[in-house]
């Protein structure tokens, strides 16, 4: 699927897909008139990942969505 924007996030290493980053960017970009109220973001392509984040707005709320793949699962005893 094509995307409207491509973003990159660096927290030491590059993060392939970051929902919180895209939420903040959506708040700014939609509010500034840079982006429409619904759009698709690609993230991670520079590191061989094909992440897509779907941004939509409803009643002045921004929704961030997409598909996930579990790569690690486990439990921790505290």
N, C-alpha and C. Protein backbone atom coordinates (compact mmCIF):
# COMPACT_ATOMS: atom_id res chain seq x y z
N UNK A 1 0.84 -1.18 0.00
CA UNK A 1 0.00 0.00 0.00
C UNK A 1 0.88 1.24 0.00
N UNK A 2 0.49 2.22 -0.75
CA UNK A 2 1.19 3.49 -0.77
C UNK A 2 0.95 4.23 0.53
N UNK A 3 1.83 5.18 0.81
CA UNK A 3 1.67 6.00 2.00
C UNK A 3 1.70 7.47 1.62
N UNK A 4 1.19 8.27 2.52
CA UNK A 4 1.17 9.71 2.30
C UNK A 4 2.44 10.38 2.83
N UNK A 5 3.02 9.79 3.87
CA UNK A 5 4.23 10.32 4.49
C UNK A 5 5.12 9.16 4.90
N UNK A 6 6.42 9.43 5.02
CA UNK A 6 7.35 8.46 5.60
C UNK A 6 8.09 9.14 6.73
N UNK A 7 8.16 8.47 7.87
CA UNK A 7 8.85 9.04 9.03
C UNK A 7 9.91 8.06 9.52
N UNK A 8 10.86 8.59 10.28
CA UNK A 8 11.89 7.77 10.91
C UNK A 8 12.02 8.21 12.36
N UNK A 9 12.31 7.27 13.25
CA UNK A 9 12.46 7.57 14.68
C UNK A 9 13.73 6.92 15.19
N UNK A 10 14.52 7.69 15.93
CA UNK A 10 15.78 7.19 16.47
C UNK A 10 15.78 7.33 17.98
N UNK A 11 15.92 6.22 18.66
CA UNK A 11 16.06 6.17 20.11
C UNK A 11 17.29 5.32 20.39
N UNK A 12 18.46 5.82 20.06
CA UNK A 12 19.67 5.02 20.06
C UNK A 12 19.75 4.31 18.73
N UNK A 13 18.94 3.26 18.55
CA UNK A 13 18.79 2.59 17.26
C UNK A 13 17.52 3.12 16.59
N UNK A 14 17.36 2.79 15.32
CA UNK A 14 16.15 3.22 14.63
C UNK A 14 14.99 2.30 14.99
N UNK A 15 13.88 2.89 15.37
CA UNK A 15 12.68 2.14 15.72
C UNK A 15 11.86 1.90 14.45
N UNK A 16 11.50 0.65 14.14
CA UNK A 16 10.80 0.38 12.88
C UNK A 16 9.40 0.99 12.80
N UNK A 17 8.63 0.98 13.87
CA UNK A 17 7.30 1.61 13.87
C UNK A 17 7.02 2.11 15.29
N UNK A 18 6.61 3.37 15.39
CA UNK A 18 6.39 3.98 16.69
C UNK A 18 5.04 4.68 16.72
N UNK A 19 4.08 4.07 17.42
CA UNK A 19 2.74 4.64 17.49
C UNK A 19 2.71 5.99 18.19
N UNK A 20 3.44 6.13 19.30
CA UNK A 20 3.41 7.39 20.04
C UNK A 20 4.02 8.53 19.22
N UNK A 21 5.07 8.25 18.47
CA UNK A 21 5.66 9.27 17.59
C UNK A 21 4.62 9.71 16.56
N UNK A 22 3.96 8.76 15.94
CA UNK A 22 2.98 9.08 14.91
C UNK A 22 1.77 9.81 15.48
N UNK A 23 1.40 9.53 16.72
CA UNK A 23 0.30 10.27 17.36
C UNK A 23 0.69 11.74 17.53
N UNK A 24 1.88 11.98 18.02
CA UNK A 24 2.34 13.36 18.20
C UNK A 24 2.48 14.10 16.89
N UNK A 25 3.04 13.41 15.89
CA UNK A 25 3.16 14.04 14.57
C UNK A 25 1.79 14.35 13.98
N UNK A 26 0.83 13.43 14.17
CA UNK A 26 -0.52 13.64 13.64
C UNK A 26 -1.16 14.87 14.28
N UNK A 27 -1.02 15.01 15.58
CA UNK A 27 -1.58 16.17 16.28
C UNK A 27 -1.03 17.46 15.68
N UNK A 28 0.27 17.49 15.48
CA UNK A 28 0.91 18.68 14.92
C UNK A 28 0.55 18.88 13.45
N UNK A 29 0.71 17.83 12.62
CA UNK A 29 0.53 17.98 11.18
C UNK A 29 -0.92 18.26 10.80
N UNK A 30 -1.87 17.62 11.44
CA UNK A 30 -3.29 17.89 11.15
C UNK A 30 -3.64 19.29 11.65
N UNK A 31 -3.21 19.62 12.84
CA UNK A 31 -3.49 20.93 13.41
C UNK A 31 -2.91 22.08 12.59
N UNK A 32 -1.74 21.85 11.98
CA UNK A 32 -1.08 22.88 11.17
C UNK A 32 -1.57 22.89 9.73
N UNK A 33 -2.45 21.95 9.37
CA UNK A 33 -2.95 21.89 8.00
C UNK A 33 -1.98 21.24 7.02
N UNK A 34 -0.97 20.56 7.53
CA UNK A 34 0.02 19.88 6.68
C UNK A 34 -0.53 18.56 6.17
N UNK A 35 -1.32 17.88 7.00
CA UNK A 35 -1.85 16.56 6.67
C UNK A 35 -3.38 16.59 6.71
N UNK A 36 -4.02 15.72 5.92
CA UNK A 36 -5.48 15.61 6.01
C UNK A 36 -5.87 14.89 7.30
N UNK A 37 -7.17 14.80 7.57
CA UNK A 37 -7.64 14.19 8.82
C UNK A 37 -7.45 12.68 8.85
N UNK A 38 -7.23 12.05 7.72
CA UNK A 38 -6.92 10.62 7.65
C UNK A 38 -5.80 10.43 6.64
N UNK A 39 -4.79 9.65 7.02
CA UNK A 39 -3.69 9.40 6.11
C UNK A 39 -2.92 8.16 6.55
N UNK A 40 -1.99 7.72 5.70
CA UNK A 40 -1.17 6.54 5.96
C UNK A 40 0.29 6.95 6.02
N UNK A 41 1.00 6.43 7.01
CA UNK A 41 2.42 6.70 7.20
C UNK A 41 3.21 5.42 7.00
N UNK A 42 4.31 5.50 6.28
CA UNK A 42 5.23 4.36 6.24
C UNK A 42 6.38 4.66 7.19
N UNK A 43 6.86 3.63 7.86
CA UNK A 43 7.98 3.77 8.78
C UNK A 43 8.75 2.46 8.80
N UNK A 44 10.05 2.55 8.85
CA UNK A 44 10.90 1.37 8.93
C UNK A 44 11.47 0.91 7.60
N UNK A 45 11.10 1.52 6.49
CA UNK A 45 11.58 1.05 5.19
C UNK A 45 13.09 1.17 5.05
N UNK A 46 13.70 2.16 5.71
CA UNK A 46 15.15 2.35 5.61
C UNK A 46 15.93 1.21 6.28
N UNK A 47 15.26 0.45 7.16
CA UNK A 47 15.93 -0.67 7.84
C UNK A 47 15.31 -2.01 7.45
N UNK A 48 14.66 -2.05 6.30
CA UNK A 48 14.13 -3.30 5.78
C UNK A 48 12.81 -3.73 6.38
N UNK A 49 12.11 -2.84 7.04
CA UNK A 49 10.78 -3.14 7.58
C UNK A 49 9.76 -2.39 6.73
N UNK A 50 8.57 -2.90 6.66
CA UNK A 50 7.54 -2.28 5.82
C UNK A 50 6.35 -1.90 6.68
N UNK A 51 6.61 -1.07 7.71
CA UNK A 51 5.56 -0.68 8.63
C UNK A 51 4.61 0.34 8.04
N UNK A 52 3.35 0.21 8.39
CA UNK A 52 2.34 1.17 7.98
C UNK A 52 1.53 1.55 9.21
N UNK A 53 1.31 2.84 9.37
CA UNK A 53 0.51 3.37 10.47
C UNK A 53 -0.65 4.12 9.85
N UNK A 54 -1.85 3.86 10.35
CA UNK A 54 -3.06 4.46 9.81
C UNK A 54 -3.57 5.50 10.80
N UNK A 55 -3.64 6.74 10.36
CA UNK A 55 -4.09 7.85 11.20
C UNK A 55 -5.50 8.25 10.75
N UNK A 56 -6.41 8.33 11.71
CA UNK A 56 -7.75 8.83 11.43
C UNK A 56 -8.17 9.74 12.58
N UNK A 57 -9.08 10.64 12.30
CA UNK A 57 -9.64 11.50 13.34
C UNK A 57 -11.14 11.30 13.39
N UNK A 58 -11.64 11.39 14.61
CA UNK A 58 -13.09 11.26 14.84
C UNK A 58 -13.44 12.11 16.05
N UNK A 59 -14.33 13.06 15.88
CA UNK A 59 -14.74 13.95 16.98
C UNK A 59 -13.53 14.58 17.68
N UNK A 60 -12.60 15.10 16.92
CA UNK A 60 -11.40 15.76 17.43
C UNK A 60 -10.46 14.82 18.19
N UNK A 61 -10.64 13.52 18.05
CA UNK A 61 -9.73 12.53 18.63
C UNK A 61 -8.89 11.93 17.51
N UNK A 62 -7.62 11.72 17.76
CA UNK A 62 -6.74 11.11 16.77
C UNK A 62 -6.57 9.64 17.11
N UNK A 63 -6.80 8.79 16.12
CA UNK A 63 -6.66 7.35 16.29
C UNK A 63 -5.45 6.89 15.48
N UNK A 64 -4.63 6.08 16.11
CA UNK A 64 -3.43 5.53 15.49
C UNK A 64 -3.61 4.03 15.44
N UNK A 65 -3.51 3.44 14.25
CA UNK A 65 -3.72 2.00 14.13
C UNK A 65 -2.79 1.37 13.13
N UNK A 66 -2.85 0.06 13.08
CA UNK A 66 -2.04 -0.69 12.14
C UNK A 66 -2.10 -2.17 12.49
N UNK A 67 -1.30 -2.94 11.80
CA UNK A 67 -1.22 -4.38 12.04
C UNK A 67 0.06 -4.69 12.79
N UNK A 68 0.05 -5.75 13.57
CA UNK A 68 1.21 -6.11 14.36
C UNK A 68 1.65 -7.54 14.08
N UNK A 69 2.90 -7.81 14.40
CA UNK A 69 3.46 -9.16 14.37
C UNK A 69 4.19 -9.37 15.67
N UNK A 70 3.82 -10.42 16.42
CA UNK A 70 4.51 -10.73 17.66
C UNK A 70 5.86 -11.37 17.33
N UNK A 71 6.92 -10.76 17.84
CA UNK A 71 8.25 -11.31 17.60
C UNK A 71 8.88 -11.85 18.88
N UNK A 72 8.30 -11.52 20.04
CA UNK A 72 8.81 -11.99 21.31
C UNK A 72 7.65 -12.06 22.29
N UNK A 73 7.57 -13.13 23.04
CA UNK A 73 6.51 -13.30 24.01
C UNK A 73 7.11 -13.94 25.26
N UNK A 74 6.61 -13.57 26.42
CA UNK A 74 7.14 -14.17 27.64
C UNK A 74 6.47 -13.59 28.88
N UNK A 75 6.98 -13.97 30.04
CA UNK A 75 6.49 -13.46 31.31
C UNK A 75 7.67 -13.02 32.15
N UNK A 76 7.37 -12.20 33.14
CA UNK A 76 8.40 -11.74 34.07
C UNK A 76 7.87 -11.88 35.49
N UNK A 77 8.70 -12.40 36.37
CA UNK A 77 8.32 -12.52 37.77
C UNK A 77 9.01 -11.39 38.53
N UNK A 78 8.19 -10.60 39.21
CA UNK A 78 8.74 -9.45 39.95
C UNK A 78 8.63 -9.68 41.43
